C-alpha atoms as a PDB file:
ATOM      1  CA  MET A   1    -112.452  37.384  -0.657  1.00  0.00           C
ATOM      2  CA  THR A   2    -113.186  37.378  -4.230  1.00  0.00           C
ATOM      3  CA  ALA A   3    -110.515  38.147  -6.433  1.00  0.00           C
ATOM      4  CA  PHE A   4    -112.423  41.016  -8.121  1.00  0.00           C
ATOM      5  CA  GLU A   5    -114.376  43.227  -7.152  1.00  0.00           C
ATOM      6  CA  HIS A   6    -117.462  43.929  -8.970  1.00  0.00           C
ATOM      7  CA  ILE A   7    -119.545  46.759  -9.519  1.00  0.00           C
ATOM      8  CA  PRO A   8    -122.716  46.158 -10.356  1.00  0.00           C
ATOM      9  CA  ALA A   9    -124.629  48.384 -13.178  1.00  0.00           C
ATOM     10  CA  ARG A  10    -126.811  51.207 -11.869  1.00  0.00           C
ATOM     11  CA  ASP A  11    -128.366  51.225 -15.239  1.00  0.00           C
ATOM     12  CA  ALA A  12    -129.092  47.404 -16.457  1.00  0.00           C
ATOM     13  CA  ALA A  13    -129.763  49.212 -20.100  1.00  0.00           C
ATOM     14  CA  SER A  14    -126.283  50.420 -20.084  1.00  0.00           C
ATOM     15  CA  PRO A  15    -124.238  48.235 -22.811  1.00  0.00           C
ATOM     16  CA  LEU A  16    -121.083  49.272 -21.597  1.00  0.00           C
ATOM     17  CA  LEU A  17    -118.721  47.438 -19.285  1.00  0.00           C
ATOM     18  CA  LEU A  18    -115.697  49.363 -17.299  1.00  0.00           C
ATOM     19  CA  LEU A  19    -112.465  46.347 -17.078  1.00  0.00           C
ATOM     20  CA  CYS A  20    -109.696  47.274 -15.026  1.00  0.00           C
ATOM     21  CA  ASP A  21    -106.959  44.790 -14.813  1.00  0.00           C
ATOM     22  CA  HIS A  22    -104.357  46.149 -12.404  1.00  0.00           C
ATOM     23  CA  ALA A  23    -106.647  48.166  -9.875  1.00  0.00           C
ATOM     24  CA  SER A  24    -104.664  46.520  -7.049  1.00  0.00           C
ATOM     25  CA  ALA A  25    -101.447  46.563  -5.098  1.00  0.00           C
ATOM     26  CA  ALA A  26    -102.576  44.184  -2.160  1.00  0.00           C
ATOM     27  CA  LEU A  27    -102.068  40.492  -2.057  1.00  0.00           C
ATOM     28  CA  PRO A  28    -103.863  37.538  -0.386  1.00  0.00           C
ATOM     29  CA  GLU A  29    -101.893  36.985   3.004  1.00  0.00           C
ATOM     30  CA  ALA A  30    -100.980  33.608   2.178  1.00  0.00           C
ATOM     31  CA  TYR A  31     -98.311  35.332   0.398  1.00  0.00           C
ATOM     32  CA  GLY A  32     -97.113  38.057   2.113  1.00  0.00           C
ATOM     33  CA  ARG A  33     -94.929  40.542   0.248  1.00  0.00           C
ATOM     34  CA  LEU A  34     -93.594  37.895  -2.086  1.00  0.00           C
ATOM     35  CA  GLY A  35     -90.350  38.586  -0.561  1.00  0.00           C
ATOM     36  CA  LEU A  36     -90.591  42.435  -1.668  1.00  0.00           C
ATOM     37  CA  ALA A  37     -90.058  45.670   0.340  1.00  0.00           C
ATOM     38  CA  PRO A  38     -93.392  47.145   1.081  1.00  0.00           C
ATOM     39  CA  ALA A  39     -92.114  50.267  -0.875  1.00  0.00           C
ATOM     40  CA  VAL A  40     -92.588  48.397  -4.137  1.00  0.00           C
ATOM     41  CA  PHE A  41     -96.538  48.111  -3.971  1.00  0.00           C
ATOM     42  CA  GLU A  42     -96.613  51.625  -3.970  1.00  0.00           C
ATOM     43  CA  THR A  43     -94.913  51.494  -7.434  1.00  0.00           C
ATOM     44  CA  HIS A  44     -96.265  50.482 -11.193  1.00  0.00           C
ATOM     45  CA  ILE A  45     -94.755  46.916 -10.856  1.00  0.00           C
ATOM     46  CA  ALA A  46     -97.615  46.659  -8.523  1.00  0.00           C
ATOM     47  CA  TYR A  47    -100.373  48.056 -10.036  1.00  0.00           C
ATOM     48  CA  ASP A  48    -101.516  50.655 -12.774  1.00  0.00           C
ATOM     49  CA  ILE A  49    -101.202  53.889 -10.870  1.00  0.00           C
ATOM     50  CA  GLY A  50    -105.009  55.487 -10.386  1.00  0.00           C
ATOM     51  CA  ALA A  51    -106.608  53.670 -12.824  1.00  0.00           C
ATOM     52  CA  ALA A  52    -108.770  52.267 -10.296  1.00  0.00           C
ATOM     53  CA  GLN A  53    -109.820  55.126  -9.155  1.00  0.00           C
ATOM     54  CA  VAL A  54    -110.880  56.235 -12.543  1.00  0.00           C
ATOM     55  CA  THR A  55    -112.886  53.043 -12.905  1.00  0.00           C
ATOM     56  CA  ARG A  56    -114.908  53.662 -10.696  1.00  0.00           C
ATOM     57  CA  ALA A  57    -115.709  56.996 -11.195  1.00  0.00           C
ATOM     58  CA  LEU A  58    -116.343  56.409 -15.139  1.00  0.00           C
ATOM     59  CA  ALA A  59    -118.806  53.567 -14.275  1.00  0.00           C
ATOM     60  CA  ALA A  60    -120.800  55.804 -11.395  1.00  0.00           C
ATOM     61  CA  GLY A  61    -120.910  58.316 -14.287  1.00  0.00           C
ATOM     62  CA  PHE A  62    -122.085  55.931 -16.929  1.00  0.00           C
ATOM     63  CA  GLY A  63    -124.539  53.690 -14.363  1.00  0.00           C
ATOM     64  CA  ALA A  64    -122.376  50.914 -15.742  1.00  0.00           C
ATOM     65  CA  ALA A  65    -120.904  47.846 -14.718  1.00  0.00           C
ATOM     66  CA  ALA A  66    -116.960  46.963 -13.304  1.00  0.00           C
ATOM     67  CA  VAL A  67    -115.144  44.313 -12.668  1.00  0.00           C
ATOM     68  CA  LEU A  68    -111.943  44.733 -11.375  1.00  0.00           C
ATOM     69  CA  GLY A  69    -109.092  42.873 -10.173  1.00  0.00           C
ATOM     70  CA  ARG A  70    -108.467  42.951  -6.806  1.00  0.00           C
ATOM     71  CA  TRP A  71    -104.681  41.375  -6.627  1.00  0.00           C
ATOM     72  CA  SER A  72    -101.832  43.038  -7.684  1.00  0.00           C
ATOM     73  CA  ARG A  73    -100.246  42.254 -10.895  1.00  0.00           C
ATOM     74  CA  LEU A  74     -97.266  40.702  -9.126  1.00  0.00           C
ATOM     75  CA  LEU A  75     -99.160  37.839  -8.094  1.00  0.00           C
ATOM     76  CA  ILE A  76    -100.551  37.514 -11.549  1.00  0.00           C
ATOM     77  CA  ASP A  77    -101.081  39.367 -14.617  1.00  0.00           C
ATOM     78  CA  LEU A  78    -104.786  39.491 -15.338  1.00  0.00           C
ATOM     79  CA  ASN A  79    -104.068  40.914 -18.446  1.00  0.00           C
ATOM     80  CA  ARG A  80    -102.024  38.003 -20.267  1.00  0.00           C
ATOM     81  CA  GLY A  81    -103.406  34.706 -21.188  1.00  0.00           C
ATOM     82  CA  ALA A  82    -103.258  31.293 -19.007  1.00  0.00           C
ATOM     83  CA  ASP A  83    -100.640  30.247 -21.230  1.00  0.00           C
ATOM     84  CA  ASP A  84     -98.595  33.241 -21.846  1.00  0.00           C
ATOM     85  CA  PRO A  85     -94.707  32.913 -20.186  1.00  0.00           C
ATOM     86  CA  THR A  86     -95.600  36.632 -18.613  1.00  0.00           C
ATOM     87  CA  LEU A  87     -98.381  35.452 -16.645  1.00  0.00           C
ATOM     88  CA  VAL A  88     -96.208  35.246 -13.343  1.00  0.00           C
ATOM     89  CA  MET A  89     -93.213  37.479 -13.712  1.00  0.00           C
ATOM     90  CA  LYS A  90     -90.034  36.558 -12.356  1.00  0.00           C
ATOM     91  CA  LEU A  91     -88.591  40.063 -12.981  1.00  0.00           C
ATOM     92  CA  SER A  92     -89.991  43.116 -13.359  1.00  0.00           C
ATOM     93  CA  ASP A  93     -88.669  46.265 -14.777  1.00  0.00           C
ATOM     94  CA  GLY A  94     -85.534  45.507 -13.509  1.00  0.00           C
ATOM     95  CA  SER A  95     -86.939  43.801 -10.023  1.00  0.00           C
ATOM     96  CA  ILE A  96     -86.551  40.410  -8.905  1.00  0.00           C
ATOM     97  CA  ILE A  97     -90.101  38.704  -7.243  1.00  0.00           C
ATOM     98  CA  PRO A  98     -88.642  36.296  -4.406  1.00  0.00           C
ATOM     99  CA  GLY A  99     -92.005  34.974  -3.953  1.00  0.00           C
ATOM    100  CA  ASN A 100     -92.322  34.253  -7.488  1.00  0.00           C
ATOM    101  CA  ARG A 101     -88.840  32.876  -8.408  1.00  0.00           C
ATOM    102  CA  ALA A 102     -89.445  29.251  -7.664  1.00  0.00           C
ATOM    103  CA  ALA A 103     -93.127  29.393  -9.147  1.00  0.00           C
ATOM    104  CA  GLY A 104     -93.432  26.195 -10.743  1.00  0.00           C
ATOM    105  CA  PRO A 105     -96.318  24.971 -12.867  1.00  0.00           C
ATOM    106  CA  ASP A 106     -97.934  23.515  -9.769  1.00  0.00           C
ATOM    107  CA  GLU A 107     -98.263  26.870  -8.440  1.00  0.00           C
ATOM    108  CA  ILE A 108     -98.996  28.669 -11.495  1.00  0.00           C
ATOM    109  CA  ALA A 109    -101.995  26.695 -11.750  1.00  0.00           C
ATOM    110  CA  ARG A 110    -103.372  27.298  -8.020  1.00  0.00           C
ATOM    111  CA  ARG A 111    -102.964  31.293  -8.870  1.00  0.00           C
ATOM    112  CA  ILE A 112    -104.746  30.487 -12.360  1.00  0.00           C
ATOM    113  CA  ARG A 113    -107.396  28.845 -10.344  1.00  0.00           C
ATOM    114  CA  ASP A 114    -107.900  30.772  -7.483  1.00  0.00           C
ATOM    115  CA  PHE A 115    -107.035  34.302  -9.285  1.00  0.00           C
ATOM    116  CA  HIS A 116    -106.842  34.525 -13.126  1.00  0.00           C
ATOM    117  CA  ALA A 117    -110.236  32.111 -13.934  1.00  0.00           C
ATOM    118  CA  PRO A 118    -112.256  33.889 -11.352  1.00  0.00           C
ATOM    119  CA  TYR A 119    -111.665  37.258 -12.627  1.00  0.00           C
ATOM    120  CA  HIS A 120    -112.701  36.265 -16.193  1.00  0.00           C
ATOM    121  CA  ALA A 121    -115.544  34.067 -15.376  1.00  0.00           C
ATOM    122  CA  ALA A 122    -116.705  37.696 -13.899  1.00  0.00           C
ATOM    123  CA  VAL A 123    -116.086  39.582 -16.985  1.00  0.00           C
ATOM    124  CA  SER A 124    -118.161  36.945 -19.254  1.00  0.00           C
ATOM    125  CA  GLU A 125    -121.128  36.626 -17.079  1.00  0.00           C
ATOM    126  CA  GLU A 126    -121.315  40.368 -17.499  1.00  0.00           C
ATOM    127  CA  LEU A 127    -121.528  40.576 -21.217  1.00  0.00           C
ATOM    128  CA  ASP A 128    -123.253  36.957 -20.320  1.00  0.00           C
ATOM    129  CA  ARG A 129    -125.813  39.408 -18.850  1.00  0.00           C
ATOM    130  CA  ILE A 130    -125.490  42.827 -21.414  1.00  0.00           C
ATOM    131  CA  GLY A 131    -126.251  40.842 -24.312  1.00  0.00           C
ATOM    132  CA  ALA A 132    -124.915  40.957 -28.292  1.00  0.00           C
ATOM    133  CA  ASN A 133    -124.377  45.434 -27.903  1.00  0.00           C
ATOM    134  CA  ALA A 134    -122.148  45.023 -25.238  1.00  0.00           C
ATOM    135  CA  THR A 135    -118.723  47.073 -25.271  1.00  0.00           C
ATOM    136  CA  ILE A 136    -115.867  46.866 -23.262  1.00  0.00           C
ATOM    137  CA  VAL A 137    -113.511  49.922 -22.107  1.00  0.00           C
ATOM    138  CA  SER A 138    -110.283  48.571 -20.150  1.00  0.00           C
ATOM    139  CA  ILE A 139    -108.771  50.928 -18.012  1.00  0.00           C
ATOM    140  CA  HIS A 140    -105.112  51.059 -17.929  1.00  0.00           C
ATOM    141  CA  SER A 141    -102.320  53.647 -16.908  1.00  0.00           C
ATOM    142  CA  PHE A 142     -98.651  54.230 -17.977  1.00  0.00           C
ATOM    143  CA  THR A 143     -95.905  55.605 -15.899  1.00  0.00           C
ATOM    144  CA  PRO A 144     -94.312  59.520 -17.126  1.00  0.00           C
ATOM    145  CA  VAL A 145     -90.943  57.938 -18.250  1.00  0.00           C
ATOM    146  CA  TRP A 146     -89.685  54.818 -19.057  1.00  0.00           C
ATOM    147  CA  ARG A 147     -85.592  54.201 -19.837  1.00  0.00           C
ATOM    148  CA  GLY A 148     -85.081  58.325 -19.506  1.00  0.00           C
ATOM    149  CA  ARG A 149     -87.646  59.145 -22.019  1.00  0.00           C
ATOM    150  CA  ALA A 150     -90.341  60.995 -21.200  1.00  0.00           C
ATOM    151  CA  ARG A 151     -93.740  59.705 -22.486  1.00  0.00           C
ATOM    152  CA  PRO A 152     -95.601  62.907 -23.890  1.00  0.00           C
ATOM    153  CA  TRP A 153     -99.078  60.784 -23.896  1.00  0.00           C
ATOM    154  CA  GLU A 154    -101.565  61.935 -22.184  1.00  0.00           C
ATOM    155  CA  VAL A 155    -103.955  59.160 -23.206  1.00  0.00           C
ATOM    156  CA  GLY A 156    -103.102  55.794 -25.084  1.00  0.00           C
ATOM    157  CA  VAL A 157    -106.100  54.023 -27.542  1.00  0.00           C
ATOM    158  CA  LEU A 158    -105.164  50.374 -28.012  1.00  0.00           C
ATOM    159  CA  TRP A 159    -106.759  48.295 -30.287  1.00  0.00           C
ATOM    160  CA  ASP A 160    -105.734  45.833 -32.520  1.00  0.00           C
ATOM    161  CA  LYS A 161    -108.082  45.054 -35.574  1.00  0.00           C
ATOM    162  CA  ASP A 162    -111.173  46.195 -34.030  1.00  0.00           C
ATOM    163  CA  ARG A 163    -111.419  50.308 -34.628  1.00  0.00           C
ATOM    164  CA  ARG A 164    -115.370  50.306 -34.056  1.00  0.00           C
ATOM    165  CA  LEU A 165    -114.554  52.458 -30.866  1.00  0.00           C
ATOM    166  CA  ALA A 166    -111.082  53.132 -30.820  1.00  0.00           C
ATOM    167  CA  GLY A 167    -111.509  55.270 -34.484  1.00  0.00           C
ATOM    168  CA  PRO A 168    -114.170  57.775 -32.655  1.00  0.00           C
ATOM    169  CA  LEU A 169    -112.377  57.770 -29.785  1.00  0.00           C
ATOM    170  CA  MET A 170    -109.178  58.966 -30.755  1.00  0.00           C
ATOM    171  CA  ALA A 171    -111.057  61.586 -33.135  1.00  0.00           C
ATOM    172  CA  ARG A 172    -112.916  62.924 -29.988  1.00  0.00           C
ATOM    173  CA  LEU A 173    -109.967  63.088 -27.795  1.00  0.00           C
ATOM    174  CA  SER A 174    -108.243  65.563 -30.668  1.00  0.00           C
ATOM    175  CA  GLN A 175    -111.400  67.906 -30.155  1.00  0.00           C
ATOM    176  CA  HIS A 176    -111.015  68.085 -26.601  1.00  0.00           C
ATOM    177  CA  ALA A 177    -107.850  68.627 -27.480  1.00  0.00           C
ATOM    178  CA  PHE A 178    -105.760  66.004 -25.664  1.00  0.00           C
ATOM    179  CA  VAL A 179    -102.143  64.427 -26.307  1.00  0.00           C
ATOM    180  CA  TRP A 180    -102.931  61.149 -27.522  1.00  0.00           C
ATOM    181  CA  GLY A 181    -101.682  58.152 -28.876  1.00  0.00           C
ATOM    182  CA  ASP A 182    -102.864  55.893 -31.434  1.00  0.00           C
ATOM    183  CA  ASN A 183    -101.324  52.080 -29.773  1.00  0.00           C
ATOM    184  CA  GLU A 184     -99.121  53.913 -27.455  1.00  0.00           C
ATOM    185  CA  PRO A 185     -97.360  53.765 -25.488  1.00  0.00           C
ATOM    186  CA  TYR A 186     -97.984  50.374 -26.335  1.00  0.00           C
ATOM    187  CA  SER A 187     -99.448  48.005 -28.786  1.00  0.00           C
ATOM    188  CA  GLY A 188    -103.218  46.707 -28.630  1.00  0.00           C
ATOM    189  CA  ALA A 189    -101.942  43.292 -30.479  1.00  0.00           C
ATOM    190  CA  LEU A 190    -101.891  40.725 -27.730  1.00  0.00           C
ATOM    191  CA  GLU A 191    -102.953  37.465 -28.517  1.00  0.00           C
ATOM    192  CA  ASN A 192    -104.889  36.071 -25.585  1.00  0.00           C
ATOM    193  CA  ASP A 193    -105.224  39.127 -23.732  1.00  0.00           C
ATOM    194  CA  CYS A 194    -107.973  40.160 -21.922  1.00  0.00           C
ATOM    195  CA  LEU A 195    -109.665  42.356 -24.617  1.00  0.00           C
ATOM    196  CA  ASN A 196    -108.271  39.649 -27.369  1.00  0.00           C
ATOM    197  CA  ARG A 197    -110.298  36.894 -25.050  1.00  0.00           C
ATOM    198  CA  HIS A 198    -113.289  38.608 -24.275  1.00  0.00           C
ATOM    199  CA  GLY A 199    -113.788  41.304 -27.260  1.00  0.00           C
ATOM    200  CA  THR A 200    -112.033  39.950 -30.759  1.00  0.00           C
ATOM    201  CA  ARG A 201    -113.480  36.366 -29.790  1.00  0.00           C
ATOM    202  CA  ARG A 202    -116.802  37.544 -29.008  1.00  0.00           C
ATOM    203  CA  GLY A 203    -117.106  40.328 -31.910  1.00  0.00           C
ATOM    204  CA  LEU A 204    -117.501  42.787 -29.163  1.00  0.00           C
ATOM    205  CA  ALA A 205    -116.883  46.342 -29.503  1.00  0.00           C
ATOM    206  CA  HIS A 206    -113.777  47.153 -27.308  1.00  0.00           C
ATOM    207  CA  VAL A 207    -111.012  49.335 -26.356  1.00  0.00           C
ATOM    208  CA  LEU A 208    -108.141  49.676 -24.210  1.00  0.00           C
ATOM    209  CA  VAL A 209    -107.742  53.337 -22.444  1.00  0.00           C
ATOM    210  CA  GLU A 210    -103.845  53.752 -21.294  1.00  0.00           C
ATOM    211  CA  ILE A 211    -103.740  57.416 -18.948  1.00  0.00           C
ATOM    212  CA  ARG A 212    -100.330  58.864 -18.164  1.00  0.00           C
ATOM    213  CA  GLN A 213    -100.058  58.263 -14.163  1.00  0.00           C
ATOM    214  CA  ASP A 214     -98.550  61.714 -13.240  1.00  0.00           C
ATOM    215  CA  LEU A 215    -102.266  63.014 -14.485  1.00  0.00           C
ATOM    216  CA  ILE A 216    -104.208  60.426 -12.175  1.00  0.00           C
ATOM    217  CA  GLY A 217    -101.835  60.057  -8.742  1.00  0.00           C
ATOM    218  CA  THR A 218    -104.186  61.623  -6.465  1.00  0.00           C
ATOM    219  CA  ASP A 219    -108.005  60.290  -6.132  1.00  0.00           C
ATOM    220  CA  ALA A 220    -108.654  64.239  -6.583  1.00  0.00           C
ATOM    221  CA  ASP A 221    -106.816  64.001  -9.873  1.00  0.00           C
ATOM    222  CA  ALA A 222    -108.346  60.498 -10.969  1.00  0.00           C
ATOM    223  CA  GLN A 223    -111.917  62.238 -10.518  1.00  0.00           C
ATOM    224  CA  SER A 224    -111.008  65.070 -12.437  1.00  0.00           C
ATOM    225  CA  PHE A 225    -109.852  63.130 -15.058  1.00  0.00           C
ATOM    226  CA  ALA A 226    -112.485  60.597 -15.184  1.00  0.00           C
ATOM    227  CA  HIS A 227    -115.008  63.775 -15.650  1.00  0.00           C
ATOM    228  CA  LYS A 228    -113.449  64.851 -18.552  1.00  0.00           C
ATOM    229  CA  LEU A 229    -112.624  61.573 -20.245  1.00  0.00           C
ATOM    230  CA  SER A 230    -116.529  60.272 -19.466  1.00  0.00           C
ATOM    231  CA  PHE A 231    -117.632  63.518 -21.776  1.00  0.00           C
ATOM    232  CA  VAL A 232    -115.031  62.539 -24.396  1.00  0.00           C
ATOM    233  CA  LEU A 233    -115.967  58.439 -24.366  1.00  0.00           C
ATOM    234  CA  ALA A 234    -119.518  59.444 -24.255  1.00  0.00           C
ATOM    235  CA  ALA A 235    -119.403  61.095 -27.813  1.00  0.00           C
ATOM    236  CA  ALA A 236    -117.488  58.249 -28.959  1.00  0.00           C
ATOM    237  CA  LEU A 237    -119.573  55.814 -27.911  1.00  0.00           C
ATOM    238  CA  GLY A 238    -122.347  57.608 -29.337  1.00  0.00           C
ATOM    239  CA  ASP A 239    -120.456  58.330 -32.742  1.00  0.00           C
ATOM    240  CA  MET A 240    -119.816  54.352 -33.013  1.00  0.00           C
ATOM    241  CA  ALA A 241    -123.752  53.650 -32.231  1.00  0.00           C
ATOM    242  CA  ARG A 242    -124.729  55.859 -35.395  1.00  0.00           C
ATOM    243  CA  ALA A 243    -122.255  54.196 -37.621  1.00  0.00           C
ATOM    244  CA  ARG A 244    -123.476  51.017 -37.046  1.00  0.00           C
END
């Protein structure tokens, strides 16, 4: 089984590529459960709840290609550079990951080769196919509460140096009465992350969209939210195209 799920573009002319780095809570059979209880894989430390369903719905609506990670972020984090010390987490949100505790350089190199590198190669292949007008939208999700504090945002728009899509997207979210955050609840300035690698370095327009998990926690909610978000994203993409 490949390290990623690939949804081919239904509309070959679409410039949009959708990504979902933390789509799955699954693990390859050889890794068991990394020494963790099954219930852990239903939580945010294993994957971005609801993000895969939103990504697939947006890909279907736009006729766009998508690449989704097939394995849990606990195995390897696809949104980190290969040299990032948090690539293979030994502690996540207070939970020790027993199956990662002894992961040394050789094991990390093996996971990069088998899981991290193929995912990023698939992203690069899609961007090569689309060409210079490619636009990347990466879908993530975040917990409603962090360390006892409620997070008010429904959507976070993460960006670093490139506001070509982030700016219009935030403006359109306001028009559609979304509660949104500018680089909230996380900063988009993460060196060597997925969008830095595939967006910034290629000079392509890109944005990372974070969605609060209680809004997309069921398939029905994720589909509904994706439907609303698709109108906002389409308008923002149009705004960006007209500004070029």
